[in-house]
């Protein structure tokens, strides 16, 4: 039964397809992807389903008319509900470093999406050159586990909120800098794709 969820969503990806041209498609989720995304009665149904099942992905609905502004706006709302969505609420860092000082970086993050990130990809802090935006120094946090950045649970379609809201997760670490020339830099955070060690988020 689709209304019943188990804790398996915390460790296993949940996804599916929006079924068209059979069953009760005209009732829900609508007759076509454009129908599903442009009409609130259908779009809200899809979002509620994604939220309650902790959905990560959905097929067939993606075949919508990208040139239609109303449909595209509806697609953005559904995409914001699917999967994980990490929102930083606060970040603090050492503003000036002299001599042997360490760079201390702290941040708070909340997963406002529907599912966790299922792999423990590393979180990197870096200093970027002001002009080129390329890193002159970078290092990964050793105490951050993004699989633990969980969304809320027990979706309430009446209030459009999780009855159990997502927790705010915190991270903090001090880093020794070496080989960084004197100057001003941009502090950046990134989630690295282990396949190439490049930022994925």
N, C-alpha and C. Protein backbone atom coordinates (compact mmCIF):
# COMPACT_ATOMS: atom_id res chain seq x y z
N UNK A 1 0.85 -1.18 0.00
CA UNK A 1 0.00 0.00 0.00
C UNK A 1 0.89 1.24 0.00
N UNK A 2 0.61 2.19 -0.91
CA UNK A 2 1.47 3.36 -1.06
C UNK A 2 1.44 4.28 0.16
N UNK A 3 0.37 4.23 0.93
CA UNK A 3 0.28 5.11 2.09
C UNK A 3 1.12 4.64 3.27
N UNK A 4 1.63 3.42 3.19
CA UNK A 4 2.43 2.88 4.30
C UNK A 4 3.91 2.93 3.93
N UNK A 5 4.69 3.53 4.78
CA UNK A 5 6.14 3.56 4.54
C UNK A 5 6.84 2.82 5.66
N UNK A 6 7.99 2.27 5.34
CA UNK A 6 8.81 1.60 6.34
C UNK A 6 10.10 2.39 6.48
N UNK A 7 10.87 2.12 7.50
CA UNK A 7 12.13 2.85 7.69
C UNK A 7 13.18 2.54 6.61
N UNK A 8 12.85 1.66 5.65
CA UNK A 8 13.83 1.31 4.62
C UNK A 8 14.27 2.51 3.79
N UNK A 9 13.44 3.55 3.70
CA UNK A 9 13.81 4.74 2.93
C UNK A 9 15.09 5.39 3.47
N UNK A 10 15.42 5.11 4.72
CA UNK A 10 16.62 5.71 5.31
C UNK A 10 17.90 5.11 4.75
N UNK A 11 17.79 3.91 4.18
CA UNK A 11 18.99 3.24 3.65
C UNK A 11 18.86 2.78 2.20
N UNK A 12 17.64 2.81 1.65
CA UNK A 12 17.41 2.32 0.28
C UNK A 12 16.64 3.35 -0.53
N UNK A 13 17.06 3.56 -1.76
CA UNK A 13 16.44 4.54 -2.64
C UNK A 13 15.00 4.15 -2.95
N UNK A 14 14.10 5.13 -2.90
CA UNK A 14 12.69 4.93 -3.25
C UNK A 14 12.41 5.77 -4.50
N UNK A 15 11.86 5.15 -5.53
CA UNK A 15 11.53 5.89 -6.75
C UNK A 15 10.49 5.13 -7.54
N UNK A 16 10.08 5.71 -8.65
CA UNK A 16 9.08 5.04 -9.46
C UNK A 16 8.76 5.82 -10.71
N UNK A 17 7.59 5.57 -11.24
CA UNK A 17 7.15 6.20 -12.48
C UNK A 17 5.74 6.72 -12.32
N UNK A 18 5.47 7.87 -12.91
CA UNK A 18 4.11 8.38 -12.96
C UNK A 18 3.42 7.67 -14.12
N UNK A 19 2.36 6.93 -13.84
CA UNK A 19 1.71 6.11 -14.86
C UNK A 19 0.68 6.92 -15.64
N UNK A 20 0.80 6.92 -16.96
CA UNK A 20 -0.15 7.61 -17.83
C UNK A 20 -0.81 6.61 -18.78
N UNK A 21 -2.00 6.96 -19.24
CA UNK A 21 -2.74 6.19 -20.25
C UNK A 21 -3.22 4.83 -19.75
N UNK A 22 -3.38 4.67 -18.46
CA UNK A 22 -3.98 3.43 -17.96
C UNK A 22 -4.49 3.67 -16.54
N UNK A 23 -5.30 2.80 -16.04
CA UNK A 23 -5.81 2.91 -14.67
C UNK A 23 -6.58 4.20 -14.46
N UNK A 24 -6.30 4.87 -13.35
CA UNK A 24 -6.99 6.10 -12.99
C UNK A 24 -6.17 7.34 -13.31
N UNK A 25 -5.41 7.29 -14.39
CA UNK A 25 -4.51 8.40 -14.72
C UNK A 25 -5.24 9.72 -14.86
N UNK A 26 -6.46 9.71 -15.39
CA UNK A 26 -7.18 10.97 -15.54
C UNK A 26 -7.57 11.58 -14.20
N UNK A 27 -7.73 10.71 -13.19
CA UNK A 27 -8.03 11.21 -11.85
C UNK A 27 -6.74 11.69 -11.18
N UNK A 28 -5.75 10.81 -11.10
CA UNK A 28 -4.44 11.14 -10.56
C UNK A 28 -3.42 10.22 -11.22
N UNK A 29 -2.31 10.71 -11.67
CA UNK A 29 -1.74 12.05 -11.50
C UNK A 29 -2.08 13.02 -12.63
N UNK A 30 -3.14 12.76 -13.40
CA UNK A 30 -3.48 13.57 -14.55
C UNK A 30 -3.19 12.79 -15.82
N UNK A 31 -3.69 13.29 -16.94
CA UNK A 31 -3.61 12.54 -18.20
C UNK A 31 -2.23 12.57 -18.83
N UNK A 32 -1.45 13.63 -18.57
CA UNK A 32 -0.12 13.79 -19.20
C UNK A 32 0.83 14.42 -18.19
N UNK A 33 2.13 14.39 -18.46
CA UNK A 33 3.07 15.08 -17.58
C UNK A 33 2.75 16.58 -17.44
N UNK A 34 2.37 17.22 -18.54
CA UNK A 34 2.02 18.65 -18.47
C UNK A 34 0.83 18.86 -17.54
N UNK A 35 -0.13 17.96 -17.59
CA UNK A 35 -1.30 17.99 -16.72
C UNK A 35 -0.87 17.85 -15.26
N UNK A 36 0.01 16.89 -15.01
CA UNK A 36 0.48 16.63 -13.64
C UNK A 36 1.18 17.85 -13.04
N UNK A 37 1.93 18.56 -13.86
CA UNK A 37 2.77 19.64 -13.35
C UNK A 37 2.11 21.01 -13.38
N UNK A 38 1.12 21.21 -14.23
CA UNK A 38 0.52 22.54 -14.35
C UNK A 38 -0.71 22.73 -13.47
N UNK A 39 -1.41 21.66 -13.16
CA UNK A 39 -2.65 21.78 -12.38
C UNK A 39 -2.37 21.45 -10.91
N UNK A 40 -2.65 22.39 -10.00
CA UNK A 40 -2.34 22.17 -8.58
C UNK A 40 -2.93 20.88 -8.01
N UNK A 41 -4.12 20.49 -8.45
CA UNK A 41 -4.73 19.28 -7.89
C UNK A 41 -3.87 18.04 -8.18
N UNK A 42 -3.22 18.02 -9.32
CA UNK A 42 -2.35 16.91 -9.67
C UNK A 42 -0.94 17.10 -9.09
N UNK A 43 -0.41 18.31 -9.24
CA UNK A 43 0.94 18.59 -8.75
C UNK A 43 1.04 18.36 -7.24
N UNK A 44 0.04 18.83 -6.49
CA UNK A 44 0.06 18.64 -5.03
C UNK A 44 -0.01 17.15 -4.68
N UNK A 45 -0.78 16.40 -5.46
CA UNK A 45 -0.87 14.95 -5.24
C UNK A 45 0.51 14.30 -5.43
N UNK A 46 1.21 14.69 -6.50
CA UNK A 46 2.54 14.13 -6.78
C UNK A 46 3.51 14.51 -5.67
N UNK A 47 3.51 15.77 -5.26
CA UNK A 47 4.43 16.22 -4.20
C UNK A 47 4.12 15.50 -2.90
N UNK A 48 2.84 15.37 -2.56
CA UNK A 48 2.48 14.66 -1.32
C UNK A 48 2.96 13.22 -1.36
N UNK A 49 2.84 12.59 -2.53
CA UNK A 49 3.30 11.21 -2.68
C UNK A 49 4.82 11.11 -2.51
N UNK A 50 5.53 12.02 -3.16
CA UNK A 50 7.00 12.06 -3.04
C UNK A 50 7.40 12.25 -1.59
N UNK A 51 6.77 13.22 -0.93
CA UNK A 51 7.13 13.52 0.46
C UNK A 51 6.81 12.36 1.40
N UNK A 52 5.63 11.76 1.25
CA UNK A 52 5.24 10.70 2.18
C UNK A 52 6.05 9.43 1.98
N UNK A 53 6.45 9.15 0.73
CA UNK A 53 7.24 7.95 0.46
C UNK A 53 8.75 8.20 0.53
N UNK A 54 9.15 9.45 0.73
CA UNK A 54 10.56 9.83 0.74
C UNK A 54 11.20 9.53 -0.61
N UNK A 55 10.51 9.95 -1.67
CA UNK A 55 10.95 9.66 -3.03
C UNK A 55 12.21 10.37 -3.44
N UNK A 56 13.01 9.65 -4.20
CA UNK A 56 14.29 10.16 -4.68
C UNK A 56 14.24 10.52 -6.17
N UNK A 57 13.40 9.81 -6.92
CA UNK A 57 13.33 10.03 -8.37
C UNK A 57 11.98 9.56 -8.90
N UNK A 58 11.61 10.10 -10.07
CA UNK A 58 10.34 9.72 -10.69
C UNK A 58 10.46 9.81 -12.20
N UNK A 59 10.14 8.73 -12.87
CA UNK A 59 10.22 8.70 -14.32
C UNK A 59 8.90 9.06 -15.00
N UNK A 60 8.96 9.21 -16.30
CA UNK A 60 7.85 9.50 -17.20
C UNK A 60 7.32 10.92 -17.03
N UNK A 61 7.19 11.39 -15.81
CA UNK A 61 6.70 12.76 -15.61
C UNK A 61 7.71 13.77 -16.17
N UNK A 62 8.94 13.32 -16.37
CA UNK A 62 9.99 14.21 -16.89
C UNK A 62 9.81 14.55 -18.37
N UNK A 63 8.87 13.89 -19.04
CA UNK A 63 8.63 14.17 -20.46
C UNK A 63 7.62 15.31 -20.62
N UNK A 64 7.86 16.40 -19.93
CA UNK A 64 6.95 17.54 -19.98
C UNK A 64 7.45 18.58 -20.99
N UNK A 65 6.60 19.55 -21.29
CA UNK A 65 6.91 20.62 -22.25
C UNK A 65 7.77 21.67 -21.55
N UNK A 66 9.07 21.62 -21.80
CA UNK A 66 10.01 22.54 -21.14
C UNK A 66 9.82 23.98 -21.59
N UNK A 67 9.14 24.20 -22.71
CA UNK A 67 8.95 25.57 -23.21
C UNK A 67 7.73 26.25 -22.59
N UNK A 68 6.90 25.47 -21.88
CA UNK A 68 5.71 26.03 -21.24
C UNK A 68 6.09 26.51 -19.84
N UNK A 69 5.98 27.82 -19.62
CA UNK A 69 6.43 28.43 -18.37
C UNK A 69 5.68 27.90 -17.15
N UNK A 70 4.38 27.70 -17.27
CA UNK A 70 3.57 27.20 -16.14
C UNK A 70 3.96 25.77 -15.81
N UNK A 71 4.13 24.95 -16.82
CA UNK A 71 4.52 23.55 -16.61
C UNK A 71 5.92 23.49 -16.01
N UNK A 72 6.83 24.31 -16.54
CA UNK A 72 8.21 24.32 -16.04
C UNK A 72 8.26 24.75 -14.56
N UNK A 73 7.43 25.74 -14.19
CA UNK A 73 7.39 26.18 -12.78
C UNK A 73 6.89 25.05 -11.89
N UNK A 74 5.90 24.29 -12.36
CA UNK A 74 5.41 23.14 -11.60
C UNK A 74 6.47 22.07 -11.45
N UNK A 75 7.25 21.85 -12.53
CA UNK A 75 8.33 20.86 -12.49
C UNK A 75 9.37 21.25 -11.45
N UNK A 76 9.67 22.53 -11.33
CA UNK A 76 10.65 22.98 -10.33
C UNK A 76 10.16 22.69 -8.91
N UNK A 77 8.87 22.85 -8.67
CA UNK A 77 8.32 22.53 -7.34
C UNK A 77 8.45 21.05 -7.02
N UNK A 78 8.16 20.20 -8.00
CA UNK A 78 8.30 18.75 -7.79
C UNK A 78 9.77 18.39 -7.58
N UNK A 79 10.65 18.99 -8.38
CA UNK A 79 12.08 18.70 -8.25
C UNK A 79 12.62 19.10 -6.90
N UNK A 80 12.09 20.17 -6.32
CA UNK A 80 12.53 20.60 -4.99
C UNK A 80 12.11 19.62 -3.91
N UNK A 81 11.04 18.86 -4.17
CA UNK A 81 10.58 17.86 -3.20
C UNK A 81 11.34 16.55 -3.32
N UNK A 82 11.75 16.19 -4.53
CA UNK A 82 12.44 14.92 -4.77
C UNK A 82 13.84 14.90 -4.15
N UNK A 83 14.22 13.77 -3.59
CA UNK A 83 15.60 13.57 -3.14
C UNK A 83 15.99 14.43 -1.96
N UNK A 84 17.28 14.69 -1.86
CA UNK A 84 17.81 15.50 -0.77
C UNK A 84 17.87 16.96 -1.21
N UNK A 85 17.85 17.86 -0.23
CA UNK A 85 18.02 19.29 -0.51
C UNK A 85 18.68 19.90 0.72
N UNK A 86 19.98 20.10 0.64
CA UNK A 86 20.73 20.60 1.78
C UNK A 86 20.72 22.13 1.77
N UNK A 87 20.28 22.70 2.90
CA UNK A 87 20.21 24.15 3.03
C UNK A 87 21.10 24.57 4.19
N UNK A 88 22.08 25.41 3.89
CA UNK A 88 22.96 25.95 4.93
C UNK A 88 22.24 27.11 5.61
N UNK A 89 22.15 27.07 6.92
CA UNK A 89 21.53 28.18 7.66
C UNK A 89 22.56 29.09 8.30
N UNK A 90 23.78 28.57 8.45
CA UNK A 90 24.81 29.36 9.12
C UNK A 90 26.18 28.79 8.79
N UNK A 91 27.14 29.68 8.62
CA UNK A 91 28.54 29.26 8.45
C UNK A 91 29.42 30.30 9.12
N UNK A 92 30.37 29.83 9.91
CA UNK A 92 31.33 30.73 10.55
C UNK A 92 32.73 30.21 10.27
N UNK A 93 33.69 31.12 10.26
CA UNK A 93 35.07 30.74 9.97
C UNK A 93 36.02 31.80 10.50
N UNK A 94 37.26 31.40 10.66
CA UNK A 94 38.30 32.33 11.10
C UNK A 94 38.50 33.37 10.01
N UNK A 95 38.31 34.64 10.36
CA UNK A 95 38.35 35.70 9.35
C UNK A 95 39.75 36.11 8.94
N UNK A 96 40.69 35.98 9.86
CA UNK A 96 42.07 36.36 9.55
C UNK A 96 43.01 35.34 10.19
N UNK A 97 43.99 34.92 9.43
CA UNK A 97 44.92 33.90 9.92
C UNK A 97 46.33 34.46 9.82
N UNK A 98 47.02 34.44 10.95
CA UNK A 98 48.40 34.91 11.01
C UNK A 98 49.30 33.80 11.55
N UNK A 99 50.44 33.65 10.95
CA UNK A 99 51.44 32.72 11.46
C UNK A 99 50.94 31.30 11.58
N UNK A 100 50.92 30.78 12.80
CA UNK A 100 50.56 29.39 13.04
C UNK A 100 49.08 29.19 13.33
N UNK A 101 48.27 30.23 13.15
CA UNK A 101 46.84 30.11 13.42
C UNK A 101 46.22 29.04 12.53
N UNK A 102 45.16 28.43 13.02
CA UNK A 102 44.42 27.45 12.24
C UNK A 102 43.14 28.08 11.70
N UNK A 103 42.67 27.54 10.59
CA UNK A 103 41.39 27.94 10.03
C UNK A 103 40.32 27.06 10.65
N UNK A 104 39.39 27.65 11.39
CA UNK A 104 38.28 26.92 11.98
C UNK A 104 37.02 27.23 11.19
N UNK A 105 36.36 26.19 10.72
CA UNK A 105 35.14 26.33 9.92
C UNK A 105 34.03 25.56 10.61
N UNK A 106 32.88 26.23 10.77
CA UNK A 106 31.69 25.60 11.34
C UNK A 106 30.50 25.91 10.45
N UNK A 107 29.57 24.98 10.36
CA UNK A 107 28.36 25.27 9.62
C UNK A 107 27.19 24.46 10.15
N UNK A 108 25.98 24.95 9.83
CA UNK A 108 24.74 24.26 10.17
C UNK A 108 24.00 23.99 8.87
N UNK A 109 23.47 22.78 8.74
CA UNK A 109 22.79 22.38 7.51
C UNK A 109 21.54 21.59 7.87
N UNK A 110 20.51 21.74 7.01
CA UNK A 110 19.26 21.01 7.19
C UNK A 110 18.86 20.41 5.84
N UNK A 111 18.38 19.18 5.88
CA UNK A 111 17.91 18.51 4.67
C UNK A 111 16.40 18.77 4.53
N UNK A 112 16.04 19.72 3.65
CA UNK A 112 14.62 20.06 3.47
C UNK A 112 13.96 19.23 2.37
N UNK A 113 14.68 18.26 1.84
CA UNK A 113 14.13 17.39 0.80
C UNK A 113 13.32 16.25 1.39
N UNK A 114 13.23 15.16 0.62
CA UNK A 114 12.42 14.01 1.02
C UNK A 114 13.22 12.77 1.36
N UNK A 115 14.47 12.71 0.91
CA UNK A 115 15.27 11.51 1.17
C UNK A 115 16.67 11.91 1.61
N UNK A 116 17.39 10.97 2.20
CA UNK A 116 18.78 11.26 2.54
C UNK A 116 19.67 11.15 1.30
N UNK A 117 20.91 11.54 1.46
CA UNK A 117 21.94 11.26 0.46
C UNK A 117 22.48 9.89 0.86
N UNK A 118 22.42 8.91 -0.04
CA UNK A 118 22.63 7.52 0.36
C UNK A 118 24.08 7.08 0.46
N UNK A 119 25.01 7.93 0.09
CA UNK A 119 26.43 7.56 0.19
C UNK A 119 27.14 8.61 1.02
N UNK A 120 28.21 8.21 1.66
CA UNK A 120 28.91 9.14 2.53
C UNK A 120 30.04 9.85 1.77
N UNK A 121 29.66 10.72 0.84
CA UNK A 121 30.65 11.48 0.10
C UNK A 121 31.30 12.51 1.02
N UNK A 122 32.58 12.82 0.79
CA UNK A 122 33.28 13.75 1.67
C UNK A 122 32.87 15.21 1.45
N UNK A 123 32.99 15.99 2.52
CA UNK A 123 32.75 17.44 2.46
C UNK A 123 34.09 18.14 2.53
N UNK A 124 34.34 18.98 1.55
CA UNK A 124 35.62 19.68 1.42
C UNK A 124 35.45 21.16 1.74
N UNK A 125 36.45 21.71 2.41
CA UNK A 125 36.54 23.16 2.57
C UNK A 125 37.74 23.61 1.74
N UNK A 126 37.60 24.74 1.07
CA UNK A 126 38.71 25.23 0.24
C UNK A 126 38.78 26.74 0.29
N UNK A 127 39.94 27.26 -0.08
CA UNK A 127 40.14 28.68 -0.27
C UNK A 127 40.34 28.91 -1.76
N UNK A 128 39.50 29.77 -2.33
CA UNK A 128 39.53 30.01 -3.77
C UNK A 128 40.18 31.36 -4.09
N UNK A 129 40.94 31.38 -5.16
CA UNK A 129 41.51 32.62 -5.67
C UNK A 129 40.37 33.57 -6.05
N UNK A 130 40.49 34.84 -5.66
CA UNK A 130 39.42 35.80 -5.92
C UNK A 130 39.11 35.96 -7.41
N UNK A 131 40.13 35.91 -8.26
CA UNK A 131 39.93 36.15 -9.69
C UNK A 131 39.58 34.88 -10.45
N UNK A 132 40.35 33.83 -10.24
CA UNK A 132 40.16 32.61 -11.04
C UNK A 132 39.11 31.67 -10.47
N UNK A 133 38.77 31.85 -9.18
CA UNK A 133 37.84 30.97 -8.45
C UNK A 133 38.36 29.53 -8.35
N UNK A 134 39.66 29.36 -8.58
CA UNK A 134 40.28 28.04 -8.45
C UNK A 134 40.84 27.87 -7.04
N UNK A 135 40.83 26.64 -6.49
CA UNK A 135 41.33 26.44 -5.14
C UNK A 135 42.86 26.59 -5.06
N UNK A 136 43.29 27.30 -4.02
CA UNK A 136 44.72 27.39 -3.72
C UNK A 136 45.06 26.49 -2.53
N UNK A 137 44.04 26.07 -1.82
CA UNK A 137 44.19 25.15 -0.69
C UNK A 137 42.85 24.45 -0.49
N UNK A 138 42.89 23.16 -0.12
CA UNK A 138 41.65 22.43 0.17
C UNK A 138 41.95 21.24 1.06
N UNK A 139 40.94 20.88 1.85
CA UNK A 139 41.05 19.73 2.74
C UNK A 139 39.65 19.26 3.10
N UNK A 140 39.50 17.99 3.41
CA UNK A 140 38.18 17.43 3.75
C UNK A 140 37.97 17.36 5.25
N UNK A 141 36.72 17.57 5.65
CA UNK A 141 36.34 17.34 7.04
C UNK A 141 36.50 15.84 7.33
N UNK A 142 36.96 15.54 8.53
CA UNK A 142 37.12 14.13 8.92
C UNK A 142 35.99 13.65 9.82
N UNK A 143 35.10 14.56 10.21
CA UNK A 143 34.05 14.21 11.17
C UNK A 143 32.65 14.52 10.66
N UNK A 144 32.46 14.56 9.34
CA UNK A 144 31.17 14.88 8.75
C UNK A 144 30.66 13.67 7.97
N UNK A 145 29.42 13.25 8.24
CA UNK A 145 28.82 12.09 7.58
C UNK A 145 27.48 12.53 6.98
N UNK A 146 27.48 12.85 5.69
CA UNK A 146 26.28 13.44 5.09
C UNK A 146 25.12 12.45 5.01
N UNK A 147 25.38 11.17 5.16
CA UNK A 147 24.28 10.19 5.21
C UNK A 147 23.40 10.43 6.43
N UNK A 148 23.94 11.11 7.43
CA UNK A 148 23.19 11.40 8.65
C UNK A 148 22.35 12.67 8.53
N UNK A 149 22.47 13.39 7.42
CA UNK A 149 21.67 14.61 7.24
C UNK A 149 20.30 14.18 6.71
N UNK A 150 19.43 13.78 7.62
CA UNK A 150 18.14 13.19 7.26
C UNK A 150 17.06 14.24 7.05
N UNK A 151 16.10 13.94 6.17
CA UNK A 151 14.93 14.81 6.03
C UNK A 151 13.96 14.56 7.19
N UNK A 152 12.85 15.27 7.16
CA UNK A 152 11.81 15.02 8.16
C UNK A 152 11.10 13.70 7.86
N UNK A 153 10.08 13.41 8.67
CA UNK A 153 9.32 12.18 8.47
C UNK A 153 7.86 12.41 8.86
N UNK A 154 7.00 11.51 8.38
CA UNK A 154 5.56 11.55 8.62
C UNK A 154 4.94 12.81 8.00
N UNK A 155 4.88 12.81 6.68
CA UNK A 155 4.37 13.95 5.92
C UNK A 155 2.89 14.21 6.22
N UNK A 156 2.56 15.48 6.49
CA UNK A 156 1.19 15.90 6.72
C UNK A 156 0.74 16.72 5.51
N UNK A 157 -0.11 16.13 4.67
CA UNK A 157 -0.55 16.79 3.43
C UNK A 157 -1.42 18.00 3.71
N UNK A 158 -2.04 18.06 4.87
CA UNK A 158 -2.89 19.21 5.21
C UNK A 158 -2.06 20.46 5.48
N UNK A 159 -0.94 20.28 6.16
CA UNK A 159 -0.10 21.43 6.52
C UNK A 159 1.13 21.57 5.61
N UNK A 160 1.33 20.58 4.72
CA UNK A 160 2.50 20.56 3.83
C UNK A 160 3.80 20.65 4.62
N UNK A 161 3.86 19.89 5.70
CA UNK A 161 5.07 19.83 6.51
C UNK A 161 5.24 18.41 7.04
N UNK A 162 6.47 18.10 7.44
CA UNK A 162 6.71 16.84 8.12
C UNK A 162 6.35 17.01 9.60
N UNK A 163 5.58 16.06 10.14
CA UNK A 163 5.23 16.10 11.56
C UNK A 163 6.50 16.00 12.41
N UNK A 164 7.46 15.23 11.92
CA UNK A 164 8.78 15.17 12.55
C UNK A 164 9.71 15.98 11.65
N UNK A 165 10.03 17.21 12.02
CA UNK A 165 10.81 18.07 11.13
C UNK A 165 12.26 17.59 11.02
N UNK A 166 12.94 18.00 9.95
CA UNK A 166 14.36 17.62 9.82
C UNK A 166 15.19 18.32 10.88
N UNK A 167 16.21 17.61 11.34
CA UNK A 167 17.10 18.19 12.34
C UNK A 167 18.14 19.09 11.67
N UNK A 168 18.58 20.09 12.42
CA UNK A 168 19.70 20.89 11.97
C UNK A 168 20.98 20.18 12.38
N UNK A 169 21.83 19.87 11.41
CA UNK A 169 23.08 19.17 11.69
C UNK A 169 24.21 20.19 11.73
N UNK A 170 25.16 19.97 12.61
CA UNK A 170 26.27 20.91 12.75
C UNK A 170 27.59 20.21 12.46
N UNK A 171 28.54 20.99 12.00
CA UNK A 171 29.89 20.48 11.74
C UNK A 171 30.88 21.56 12.11
N UNK A 172 32.01 21.16 12.64
CA UNK A 172 33.06 22.12 12.99
C UNK A 172 34.40 21.40 13.01
N UNK A 173 35.41 22.05 12.44
CA UNK A 173 36.75 21.47 12.45
C UNK A 173 37.78 22.58 12.23
N UNK A 174 38.96 22.37 12.79
CA UNK A 174 40.07 23.29 12.59
C UNK A 174 41.08 22.66 11.65
N UNK A 175 41.63 23.47 10.76
CA UNK A 175 42.57 23.00 9.74
C UNK A 175 43.85 23.81 9.80
N UNK A 176 44.98 23.13 9.68
CA UNK A 176 46.27 23.81 9.58
C UNK A 176 46.50 24.18 8.12
N UNK A 177 46.80 25.43 7.85
CA UNK A 177 47.05 25.87 6.48
C UNK A 177 48.54 25.78 6.17
N UNK A 178 48.85 25.36 4.97
CA UNK A 178 50.26 25.34 4.55
C UNK A 178 50.33 25.68 3.08
N UNK A 179 51.33 26.46 2.72
CA UNK A 179 51.56 26.80 1.32
C UNK A 179 50.57 27.79 0.74
N UNK A 180 49.87 28.53 1.59
CA UNK A 180 48.90 29.51 1.10
C UNK A 180 49.54 30.90 1.15
N UNK A 181 49.71 31.55 -0.01
CA UNK A 181 50.30 32.89 -0.03
C UNK A 181 49.43 33.91 0.71
N UNK A 182 50.03 34.94 1.20
CA UNK A 182 49.30 36.03 1.85
C UNK A 182 48.29 36.62 0.86
N UNK A 183 47.09 36.87 1.34
CA UNK A 183 46.09 37.46 0.46
C UNK A 183 44.68 37.21 0.96
N UNK A 184 43.71 37.61 0.16
CA UNK A 184 42.30 37.40 0.47
C UNK A 184 41.76 36.28 -0.42
N UNK A 185 40.89 35.46 0.17
CA UNK A 185 40.36 34.32 -0.55
C UNK A 185 38.87 34.15 -0.30
N UNK A 186 38.23 33.38 -1.14
CA UNK A 186 36.84 33.00 -0.96
C UNK A 186 36.83 31.64 -0.27
N UNK A 187 36.09 31.53 0.82
CA UNK A 187 35.93 30.24 1.50
C UNK A 187 34.80 29.48 0.82
N UNK A 188 35.02 28.23 0.47
CA UNK A 188 33.99 27.43 -0.22
C UNK A 188 33.83 26.07 0.46
N UNK A 189 32.60 25.57 0.43
CA UNK A 189 32.29 24.21 0.89
C UNK A 189 31.78 23.43 -0.31
N UNK A 190 32.13 22.15 -0.38
CA UNK A 190 31.66 21.32 -1.49
C UNK A 190 31.52 19.88 -1.02
N UNK A 191 30.55 19.18 -1.60
CA UNK A 191 30.44 17.73 -1.43
C UNK A 191 31.11 17.12 -2.65
N UNK A 192 32.14 16.30 -2.41
CA UNK A 192 32.94 15.77 -3.50
C UNK A 192 32.41 14.44 -4.02
N UNK A 193 32.38 14.31 -5.34
CA UNK A 193 32.08 13.03 -5.97
C UNK A 193 33.35 12.19 -5.92
N UNK A 194 33.34 11.08 -5.19
CA UNK A 194 34.57 10.28 -5.07
C UNK A 194 35.11 9.76 -6.41
N UNK A 195 34.27 9.68 -7.43
CA UNK A 195 34.72 9.15 -8.72
C UNK A 195 35.84 9.99 -9.31
N UNK A 196 35.80 11.30 -9.07
CA UNK A 196 36.86 12.15 -9.63
C UNK A 196 37.40 13.16 -8.63
N UNK A 197 36.85 13.16 -7.42
CA UNK A 197 37.31 14.10 -6.41
C UNK A 197 36.91 15.53 -6.71
N UNK A 198 35.89 15.71 -7.55
CA UNK A 198 35.43 17.04 -7.94
C UNK A 198 34.12 17.36 -7.23
N UNK A 199 33.84 18.65 -7.01
CA UNK A 199 32.57 19.01 -6.36
C UNK A 199 31.35 18.50 -7.11
N UNK A 200 30.45 17.82 -6.39
CA UNK A 200 29.18 17.38 -6.94
C UNK A 200 28.05 18.24 -6.44
N UNK A 201 28.31 18.97 -5.36
CA UNK A 201 27.32 19.91 -4.81
C UNK A 201 28.07 20.99 -4.06
